[in-house]
Structures are given as structure tokens and as C-alpha cells.
Amino acid sequence: MPSAWIFRRCGRRGGFLLGSTLIVASGGAGALGLWLGELWLIYGATLLAGFGQGFGQFYRFAAMEVCPPARKPFAVTLVLSGGVLAAFAGPQLSVWTAPLVGANYTGCFIVVSGIGLINVLLAVSVRYAPDAAGGGHSHPIAQSQPWPQPWP
């Protein structure tokens, strides 16, 4: 999967930022596609959303890397529980946001971009473990500064 390669090259922060950026772009492209009535743009938006969600599959690994060993099971439980909650909240969120902008689902795509922006803020606020940068295979930009320890 390309996202694993990107995480190895750019580290966790870079990978999660790219995934979140793809989600923001998918929301914008979807809203624009609905506004213009261009089906190919809506298809492209869903493709971008799928790519962005592929990066989200790595949250459980990042959660285990940034917490003390005794807290790893709890961290993974929180990440996986968040996915289950999202499975229930997502459809309801689309029901609430669909009529925000006109009669179509433009509001849903705008909210998807907003969620992506929130994800960007969360991704930059985490102090990732040094090994999360990809070891000796990371990109020079990812190695340009010393990595802080995420726990004492």
C-alpha cells in the first residue's frame, strides 16, 4: 500500500498530514462537483476520500508507539472504539448536514473538509516516537530536527 511507503519515508506526522489533506481536498472537490453538477468530480472526490482514509488505518500503530507499554491495550481500544463510533455517527452526521447547502449533499462534503481540518490540528499536536519516522529509511526532511520523547 502506498501509505505504508509514505509513512516510512516521511514519518507518522507527514503521513497523517497527507491523509488529512486528502480528506480536506475530497470534501472540497465533492462540494464543487455537486455545485457544478459534474459527476466525474464527485467520483474523484470519493477516490481522494478513500486514499485519505487509507492513512487513517495507521492510527492504531501510532497510538501504540506514543504511549507507555502498560497503556498500549487501552490506547488501541480507544482508537478502535473511535472507529466503531464513527460508523454510527457518520450516517447521522450526513442526515444533519445534507440540507445545510441546498437540497443536495453539498453540506456533507463541506463538513468532511471541516473534519479533515480538525484532523490536521490533531495530527500536528501529537509528539510521535522517534521510530515512527521510519528508522534509517526516513526522508531527510523528517530527520532535520531531533525528535522529542513523547513520555518521560
N, C-alpha and C. Protein backbone atom coordinates (compact mmCIF):
# COMPACT_ATOMS: atom_id res chain seq x y z
N MET A 1 0.86 -1.18 0.00
CA MET A 1 0.00 0.00 0.00
C MET A 1 0.90 1.24 0.00
N PRO A 2 0.57 2.24 -0.79
CA PRO A 2 1.40 3.44 -0.86
C PRO A 2 1.50 4.18 0.47
N SER A 3 0.48 4.12 1.31
CA SER A 3 0.54 4.86 2.56
C SER A 3 1.65 4.32 3.47
N ALA A 4 1.88 3.02 3.47
CA ALA A 4 2.97 2.46 4.29
C ALA A 4 4.31 2.99 3.81
N TRP A 5 4.48 3.09 2.51
CA TRP A 5 5.72 3.64 1.97
C TRP A 5 5.89 5.10 2.37
N ILE A 6 4.81 5.86 2.33
CA ILE A 6 4.87 7.27 2.69
C ILE A 6 5.21 7.42 4.18
N PHE A 7 4.63 6.57 5.03
CA PHE A 7 4.97 6.63 6.45
C PHE A 7 6.43 6.30 6.68
N ARG A 8 6.97 5.34 5.95
CA ARG A 8 8.39 5.01 6.10
C ARG A 8 9.26 6.18 5.65
N ARG A 9 8.87 6.87 4.61
CA ARG A 9 9.68 7.96 4.07
C ARG A 9 9.52 9.27 4.85
N CYS A 10 8.31 9.58 5.28
CA CYS A 10 8.02 10.90 5.86
C CYS A 10 7.68 10.87 7.34
N GLY A 11 7.57 9.69 7.92
CA GLY A 11 7.21 9.59 9.34
C GLY A 11 5.71 9.64 9.55
N ARG A 12 5.33 9.42 10.78
CA ARG A 12 3.90 9.40 11.13
C ARG A 12 3.24 10.76 10.88
N ARG A 13 3.87 11.81 11.37
CA ARG A 13 3.26 13.14 11.22
C ARG A 13 3.03 13.48 9.74
N GLY A 14 4.04 13.26 8.92
CA GLY A 14 3.90 13.56 7.49
C GLY A 14 2.83 12.72 6.83
N GLY A 15 2.75 11.45 7.19
CA GLY A 15 1.73 10.58 6.61
C GLY A 15 0.33 10.98 7.02
N PHE A 16 0.16 11.27 8.31
CA PHE A 16 -1.17 11.67 8.77
C PHE A 16 -1.57 13.03 8.22
N LEU A 17 -0.61 13.93 8.05
CA LEU A 17 -0.93 15.23 7.44
C LEU A 17 -1.33 15.07 5.98
N LEU A 18 -0.65 14.20 5.26
CA LEU A 18 -1.03 13.95 3.87
C LEU A 18 -2.42 13.34 3.79
N GLY A 19 -2.71 12.36 4.64
CA GLY A 19 -4.03 11.75 4.65
C GLY A 19 -5.12 12.76 4.97
N SER A 20 -4.87 13.62 5.95
CA SER A 20 -5.86 14.64 6.31
C SER A 20 -6.05 15.65 5.19
N THR A 21 -4.96 15.99 4.52
CA THR A 21 -5.05 16.90 3.38
C THR A 21 -5.89 16.30 2.25
N LEU A 22 -5.74 15.00 2.03
CA LEU A 22 -6.56 14.34 1.02
C LEU A 22 -8.04 14.37 1.40
N ILE A 23 -8.34 14.25 2.69
CA ILE A 23 -9.73 14.32 3.14
C ILE A 23 -10.29 15.73 2.93
N VAL A 24 -9.49 16.74 3.27
CA VAL A 24 -9.93 18.13 3.04
C VAL A 24 -10.18 18.36 1.55
N ALA A 25 -9.25 17.89 0.71
CA ALA A 25 -9.41 18.07 -0.74
C ALA A 25 -10.62 17.30 -1.26
N SER A 26 -10.88 16.13 -0.70
CA SER A 26 -12.04 15.36 -1.16
C SER A 26 -13.34 16.07 -0.84
N GLY A 27 -13.42 16.67 0.33
CA GLY A 27 -14.62 17.42 0.68
C GLY A 27 -14.84 18.61 -0.23
N GLY A 28 -13.76 19.33 -0.51
CA GLY A 28 -13.86 20.48 -1.42
C GLY A 28 -14.23 20.06 -2.83
N ALA A 29 -13.61 18.99 -3.33
CA ALA A 29 -13.90 18.51 -4.68
C ALA A 29 -15.33 17.99 -4.78
N GLY A 30 -15.79 17.31 -3.74
CA GLY A 30 -17.17 16.79 -3.76
C GLY A 30 -18.20 17.92 -3.74
N ALA A 31 -17.95 18.91 -2.90
CA ALA A 31 -18.87 20.06 -2.85
C ALA A 31 -18.88 20.80 -4.17
N LEU A 32 -17.71 20.99 -4.75
CA LEU A 32 -17.62 21.67 -6.04
C LEU A 32 -18.30 20.84 -7.13
N GLY A 33 -18.10 19.52 -7.10
CA GLY A 33 -18.73 18.65 -8.09
C GLY A 33 -20.24 18.69 -8.02
N LEU A 34 -20.79 18.72 -6.81
CA LEU A 34 -22.25 18.82 -6.67
C LEU A 34 -22.75 20.19 -7.11
N TRP A 35 -22.01 21.22 -6.77
CA TRP A 35 -22.43 22.57 -7.14
C TRP A 35 -22.42 22.76 -8.65
N LEU A 36 -21.37 22.20 -9.31
CA LEU A 36 -21.26 22.32 -10.77
C LEU A 36 -22.05 21.26 -11.51
N GLY A 37 -22.47 20.21 -10.81
CA GLY A 37 -23.17 19.11 -11.47
C GLY A 37 -22.25 18.22 -12.28
N GLU A 38 -21.00 18.10 -11.87
CA GLU A 38 -20.01 17.30 -12.59
C GLU A 38 -19.78 15.98 -11.86
N LEU A 39 -20.27 14.90 -12.46
CA LEU A 39 -20.19 13.59 -11.83
C LEU A 39 -18.74 13.11 -11.69
N TRP A 40 -17.90 13.40 -12.68
CA TRP A 40 -16.50 12.95 -12.61
C TRP A 40 -15.78 13.56 -11.42
N LEU A 41 -16.16 14.79 -11.05
CA LEU A 41 -15.54 15.45 -9.90
C LEU A 41 -15.99 14.80 -8.59
N ILE A 42 -17.22 14.37 -8.54
CA ILE A 42 -17.72 13.67 -7.35
C ILE A 42 -17.02 12.32 -7.22
N TYR A 43 -16.85 11.61 -8.33
CA TYR A 43 -16.12 10.35 -8.30
C TYR A 43 -14.68 10.57 -7.84
N GLY A 44 -14.06 11.60 -8.36
CA GLY A 44 -12.70 11.92 -7.94
C GLY A 44 -12.62 12.24 -6.45
N ALA A 45 -13.64 12.93 -5.94
CA ALA A 45 -13.68 13.27 -4.52
C ALA A 45 -13.77 12.01 -3.66
N THR A 46 -14.57 11.05 -4.08
CA THR A 46 -14.67 9.82 -3.30
C THR A 46 -13.38 9.01 -3.39
N LEU A 47 -12.69 9.09 -4.51
CA LEU A 47 -11.39 8.42 -4.63
C LEU A 47 -10.38 9.05 -3.67
N LEU A 48 -10.35 10.38 -3.63
CA LEU A 48 -9.46 11.07 -2.69
C LEU A 48 -9.80 10.72 -1.24
N ALA A 49 -11.10 10.63 -0.93
CA ALA A 49 -11.51 10.27 0.42
C ALA A 49 -11.04 8.86 0.78
N GLY A 50 -11.11 7.95 -0.15
CA GLY A 50 -10.63 6.59 0.10
C GLY A 50 -9.14 6.55 0.35
N PHE A 51 -8.37 7.32 -0.43
CA PHE A 51 -6.93 7.40 -0.21
C PHE A 51 -6.64 7.99 1.18
N GLY A 52 -7.36 9.04 1.53
CA GLY A 52 -7.16 9.67 2.84
C GLY A 52 -7.51 8.73 3.98
N GLN A 53 -8.56 7.96 3.82
CA GLN A 53 -8.95 7.01 4.87
C GLN A 53 -7.95 5.88 4.99
N GLY A 54 -7.25 5.57 3.92
CA GLY A 54 -6.20 4.56 3.99
C GLY A 54 -5.11 4.94 4.98
N PHE A 55 -4.81 6.21 5.10
CA PHE A 55 -3.82 6.66 6.07
C PHE A 55 -4.35 6.51 7.49
N GLY A 56 -5.66 6.65 7.66
CA GLY A 56 -6.27 6.51 8.98
C GLY A 56 -6.15 5.12 9.56
N GLN A 57 -5.88 4.12 8.72
CA GLN A 57 -5.72 2.76 9.22
C GLN A 57 -4.46 2.61 10.08
N PHE A 58 -3.60 3.60 10.06
CA PHE A 58 -2.35 3.53 10.81
C PHE A 58 -2.44 4.19 12.19
N TYR A 59 -3.60 4.72 12.54
CA TYR A 59 -3.74 5.36 13.85
C TYR A 59 -3.47 4.38 14.99
N ARG A 60 -3.89 3.14 14.85
CA ARG A 60 -3.69 2.18 15.93
C ARG A 60 -2.20 1.92 16.17
N PHE A 61 -1.40 1.94 15.11
CA PHE A 61 0.04 1.75 15.29
C PHE A 61 0.67 2.96 15.96
N ALA A 62 0.25 4.14 15.54
CA ALA A 62 0.78 5.36 16.15
C ALA A 62 0.39 5.44 17.62
N ALA A 63 -0.82 5.00 17.96
CA ALA A 63 -1.25 5.02 19.36
C ALA A 63 -0.36 4.13 20.22
N MET A 64 0.04 2.99 19.68
CA MET A 64 0.90 2.09 20.45
C MET A 64 2.32 2.64 20.56
N GLU A 65 2.75 3.43 19.60
CA GLU A 65 4.12 3.96 19.62
C GLU A 65 4.29 5.12 20.59
N VAL A 66 3.23 5.86 20.87
CA VAL A 66 3.39 7.08 21.67
C VAL A 66 3.00 6.91 23.13
N CYS A 67 2.62 5.72 23.53
CA CYS A 67 2.21 5.55 24.92
C CYS A 67 3.12 4.55 25.62
N PRO A 68 3.15 4.60 26.95
CA PRO A 68 3.95 3.64 27.71
C PRO A 68 3.43 2.22 27.48
N PRO A 69 4.28 1.21 27.62
CA PRO A 69 3.86 -0.17 27.35
C PRO A 69 2.62 -0.62 28.13
N ALA A 70 2.49 -0.17 29.36
CA ALA A 70 1.33 -0.60 30.16
C ALA A 70 0.02 -0.04 29.63
N ARG A 71 0.07 1.04 28.86
CA ARG A 71 -1.15 1.68 28.36
C ARG A 71 -1.48 1.31 26.92
N LYS A 72 -0.68 0.48 26.28
CA LYS A 72 -0.90 0.13 24.87
C LYS A 72 -2.26 -0.51 24.62
N PRO A 73 -2.70 -1.49 25.43
CA PRO A 73 -4.03 -2.07 25.16
C PRO A 73 -5.15 -1.03 25.23
N PHE A 74 -5.05 -0.12 26.19
CA PHE A 74 -6.07 0.91 26.32
C PHE A 74 -6.05 1.86 25.13
N ALA A 75 -4.84 2.20 24.65
CA ALA A 75 -4.72 3.11 23.51
C ALA A 75 -5.33 2.50 22.26
N VAL A 76 -5.06 1.23 22.01
CA VAL A 76 -5.63 0.56 20.84
C VAL A 76 -7.15 0.45 20.98
N THR A 77 -7.62 0.18 22.19
CA THR A 77 -9.07 0.11 22.42
C THR A 77 -9.73 1.44 22.11
N LEU A 78 -9.11 2.54 22.51
CA LEU A 78 -9.69 3.86 22.22
C LEU A 78 -9.74 4.12 20.71
N VAL A 79 -8.68 3.79 20.00
CA VAL A 79 -8.63 4.04 18.56
C VAL A 79 -9.69 3.20 17.84
N LEU A 80 -9.77 1.93 18.17
CA LEU A 80 -10.74 1.06 17.51
C LEU A 80 -12.18 1.42 17.91
N SER A 81 -12.38 1.83 19.15
CA SER A 81 -13.71 2.27 19.58
C SER A 81 -14.14 3.53 18.85
N GLY A 82 -13.17 4.41 18.59
CA GLY A 82 -13.48 5.61 17.81
C GLY A 82 -13.97 5.26 16.42
N GLY A 83 -13.40 4.23 15.82
CA GLY A 83 -13.86 3.78 14.51
C GLY A 83 -15.28 3.24 14.55
N VAL A 84 -15.60 2.51 15.61
CA VAL A 84 -16.96 1.98 15.76
C VAL A 84 -17.95 3.12 15.96
N LEU A 85 -17.59 4.09 16.79
CA LEU A 85 -18.46 5.25 16.99
C LEU A 85 -18.66 6.03 15.70
N ALA A 86 -17.59 6.15 14.92
CA ALA A 86 -17.69 6.87 13.64
C ALA A 86 -18.64 6.15 12.68
N ALA A 87 -18.69 4.82 12.76
CA ALA A 87 -19.59 4.07 11.89
C ALA A 87 -21.05 4.40 12.18
N PHE A 88 -21.34 4.74 13.42
CA PHE A 88 -22.71 5.13 13.77
C PHE A 88 -22.94 6.62 13.59
N ALA A 89 -21.93 7.43 13.91
CA ALA A 89 -22.09 8.88 13.83
C ALA A 89 -22.07 9.39 12.40
N GLY A 90 -21.29 8.75 11.52
CA GLY A 90 -21.16 9.22 10.14
C GLY A 90 -22.47 9.33 9.39
N PRO A 91 -23.27 8.26 9.35
CA PRO A 91 -24.55 8.38 8.64
C PRO A 91 -25.48 9.43 9.25
N GLN A 92 -25.48 9.53 10.57
CA GLN A 92 -26.34 10.53 11.21
C GLN A 92 -25.84 11.94 10.91
N LEU A 93 -24.54 12.10 10.86
CA LEU A 93 -23.97 13.40 10.52
C LEU A 93 -24.36 13.81 9.10
N SER A 94 -24.42 12.85 8.19
CA SER A 94 -24.83 13.18 6.82
C SER A 94 -26.31 13.59 6.77
N VAL A 95 -27.13 12.98 7.60
CA VAL A 95 -28.55 13.36 7.65
C VAL A 95 -28.69 14.80 8.15
N TRP A 96 -27.90 15.16 9.15
CA TRP A 96 -27.98 16.50 9.71
C TRP A 96 -27.39 17.56 8.79
N THR A 97 -26.37 17.22 8.04
CA THR A 97 -25.67 18.23 7.26
C THR A 97 -26.08 18.30 5.79
N ALA A 98 -26.80 17.29 5.30
CA ALA A 98 -27.21 17.29 3.88
C ALA A 98 -27.99 18.54 3.49
N PRO A 99 -28.95 19.00 4.29
CA PRO A 99 -29.73 20.16 3.86
C PRO A 99 -29.09 21.52 4.17
N LEU A 100 -27.86 21.54 4.67
CA LEU A 100 -27.24 22.82 5.03
C LEU A 100 -27.05 23.75 3.84
N VAL A 101 -26.68 23.19 2.69
CA VAL A 101 -26.43 23.99 1.49
C VAL A 101 -27.28 23.41 0.37
N GLY A 102 -28.44 23.94 0.16
CA GLY A 102 -29.31 23.46 -0.91
C GLY A 102 -29.95 22.12 -0.58
N ALA A 103 -30.49 21.50 -1.61
CA ALA A 103 -31.23 20.26 -1.42
C ALA A 103 -30.37 19.02 -1.61
N ASN A 104 -29.15 19.18 -2.10
CA ASN A 104 -28.31 18.01 -2.31
C ASN A 104 -27.35 17.82 -1.12
N TYR A 105 -26.34 17.03 -1.30
CA TYR A 105 -25.43 16.68 -0.21
C TYR A 105 -24.18 17.55 -0.16
N THR A 106 -24.24 18.74 -0.66
CA THR A 106 -23.08 19.63 -0.64
C THR A 106 -22.62 19.90 0.79
N GLY A 107 -23.56 20.06 1.70
CA GLY A 107 -23.21 20.29 3.10
C GLY A 107 -22.40 19.16 3.69
N CYS A 108 -22.69 17.94 3.28
CA CYS A 108 -21.93 16.77 3.78
C CYS A 108 -20.47 16.88 3.38
N PHE A 109 -20.22 17.24 2.13
CA PHE A 109 -18.84 17.35 1.67
C PHE A 109 -18.12 18.50 2.36
N ILE A 110 -18.81 19.58 2.64
CA ILE A 110 -18.19 20.70 3.36
C ILE A 110 -17.81 20.26 4.77
N VAL A 111 -18.67 19.50 5.42
CA VAL A 111 -18.37 19.01 6.77
C VAL A 111 -17.21 18.02 6.73
N VAL A 112 -17.11 17.22 5.68
CA VAL A 112 -15.97 16.31 5.54
C VAL A 112 -14.67 17.12 5.52
N SER A 113 -14.64 18.23 4.80
CA SER A 113 -13.45 19.09 4.80
C SER A 113 -13.16 19.63 6.19
N GLY A 114 -14.21 20.01 6.91
CA GLY A 114 -14.02 20.50 8.28
C GLY A 114 -13.44 19.44 9.20
N ILE A 115 -13.92 18.22 9.06
CA ILE A 115 -13.38 17.12 9.87
C ILE A 115 -11.92 16.88 9.51
N GLY A 116 -11.58 16.98 8.23
CA GLY A 116 -10.19 16.85 7.82
C GLY A 116 -9.30 17.92 8.42
N LEU A 117 -9.81 19.14 8.51
CA LEU A 117 -9.03 20.23 9.13
C LEU A 117 -8.82 19.98 10.62
N ILE A 118 -9.84 19.48 11.29
CA ILE A 118 -9.69 19.12 12.71
C ILE A 118 -8.63 18.03 12.86
N ASN A 119 -8.65 17.09 11.93
CA ASN A 119 -7.67 16.01 11.97
C ASN A 119 -6.25 16.54 11.76
N VAL A 120 -6.10 17.54 10.91
CA VAL A 120 -4.78 18.17 10.73
C VAL A 120 -4.29 18.74 12.05
N LEU A 121 -5.16 19.46 12.75
CA LEU A 121 -4.77 20.05 14.04
C LEU A 121 -4.38 18.99 15.05
N LEU A 122 -5.12 17.88 15.07
CA LEU A 122 -4.79 16.80 16.00
C LEU A 122 -3.48 16.12 15.61
N ALA A 123 -3.26 15.93 14.32
CA ALA A 123 -2.04 15.25 13.86
C ALA A 123 -0.78 16.04 14.20
N VAL A 124 -0.85 17.36 14.14
CA VAL A 124 0.34 18.15 14.46
C VAL A 124 0.55 18.32 15.96
N SER A 125 -0.45 18.02 16.76
CA SER A 125 -0.32 18.21 18.21
C SER A 125 0.28 16.99 18.91
N VAL A 126 0.41 15.87 18.23
CA VAL A 126 0.93 14.66 18.85
C VAL A 126 2.45 14.64 18.74
N ARG A 127 3.10 14.21 19.79
CA ARG A 127 4.56 14.03 19.79
C ARG A 127 4.82 12.55 19.50
N TYR A 128 5.22 12.25 18.28
CA TYR A 128 5.41 10.88 17.83
C TYR A 128 6.74 10.32 18.31
N ALA A 129 6.80 9.01 18.44
CA ALA A 129 8.02 8.33 18.87
C ALA A 129 9.08 8.45 17.79
N PRO A 130 10.36 8.41 18.17
CA PRO A 130 11.43 8.54 17.18
C PRO A 130 11.38 7.46 16.10
N ASP A 131 11.05 6.23 16.44
CA ASP A 131 10.99 5.16 15.45
C ASP A 131 9.86 5.37 14.45
N ALA A 132 8.90 6.22 14.78
CA ALA A 132 7.78 6.47 13.87
C ALA A 132 8.22 7.20 12.61
N ALA A 133 9.41 7.77 12.62
CA ALA A 133 9.91 8.48 11.44
C ALA A 133 10.38 7.52 10.36
N GLY A 134 10.41 6.23 10.65
CA GLY A 134 10.78 5.27 9.64
C GLY A 134 12.19 4.75 9.78
N GLY A 135 12.80 4.97 10.94
CA GLY A 135 14.16 4.45 11.16
C GLY A 135 15.15 5.08 10.21
N GLY A 136 15.99 4.26 9.62
CA GLY A 136 17.02 4.75 8.72
C GLY A 136 16.51 5.05 7.33
N HIS A 137 15.24 4.77 7.05
CA HIS A 137 14.70 4.95 5.71
C HIS A 137 13.88 6.23 5.57
N SER A 138 13.89 7.08 6.59
CA SER A 138 13.02 8.25 6.53
C SER A 138 13.59 9.32 5.61
N HIS A 139 12.74 10.20 5.21
CA HIS A 139 13.09 11.30 4.33
C HIS A 139 13.98 12.29 5.08
N PRO A 140 14.91 12.95 4.42
CA PRO A 140 15.78 13.92 5.11
C PRO A 140 15.03 15.02 5.83
N ILE A 141 13.88 15.44 5.32
CA ILE A 141 13.09 16.47 6.00
C ILE A 141 12.63 15.97 7.35
N ALA A 142 12.24 14.68 7.42
CA ALA A 142 11.77 14.12 8.68
C ALA A 142 12.92 14.01 9.69
N GLN A 143 14.18 13.99 9.23
CA GLN A 143 15.31 13.86 10.13
C GLN A 143 15.96 15.21 10.45
N SER A 144 15.41 16.30 9.97
CA SER A 144 16.07 17.59 10.09
C SER A 144 16.10 18.14 11.51
N GLN A 145 15.28 17.62 12.42
CA GLN A 145 15.29 18.10 13.78
C GLN A 145 15.24 16.91 14.73
N PRO A 146 15.77 17.05 15.94
CA PRO A 146 15.72 15.93 16.88
C PRO A 146 14.28 15.67 17.32
N TRP A 147 13.96 14.41 17.50
CA TRP A 147 12.60 14.03 17.88
C TRP A 147 12.48 14.09 19.40
N PRO A 148 11.48 14.81 19.93
CA PRO A 148 11.30 14.85 21.39
C PRO A 148 10.72 13.52 21.87
N GLN A 149 11.04 13.18 23.10
CA GLN A 149 10.47 11.95 23.68
C GLN A 149 9.02 12.22 24.05
N PRO A 150 8.09 11.32 23.66
CA PRO A 150 6.68 11.56 23.94
C PRO A 150 6.28 11.29 25.37
N TRP A 151 7.15 10.63 26.16
CA TRP A 151 6.84 10.40 27.57
C TRP A 151 8.14 10.44 28.36
N PRO A 152 8.02 10.71 29.64
CA PRO A 152 9.25 10.83 30.47
C PRO A 152 9.96 9.51 30.64
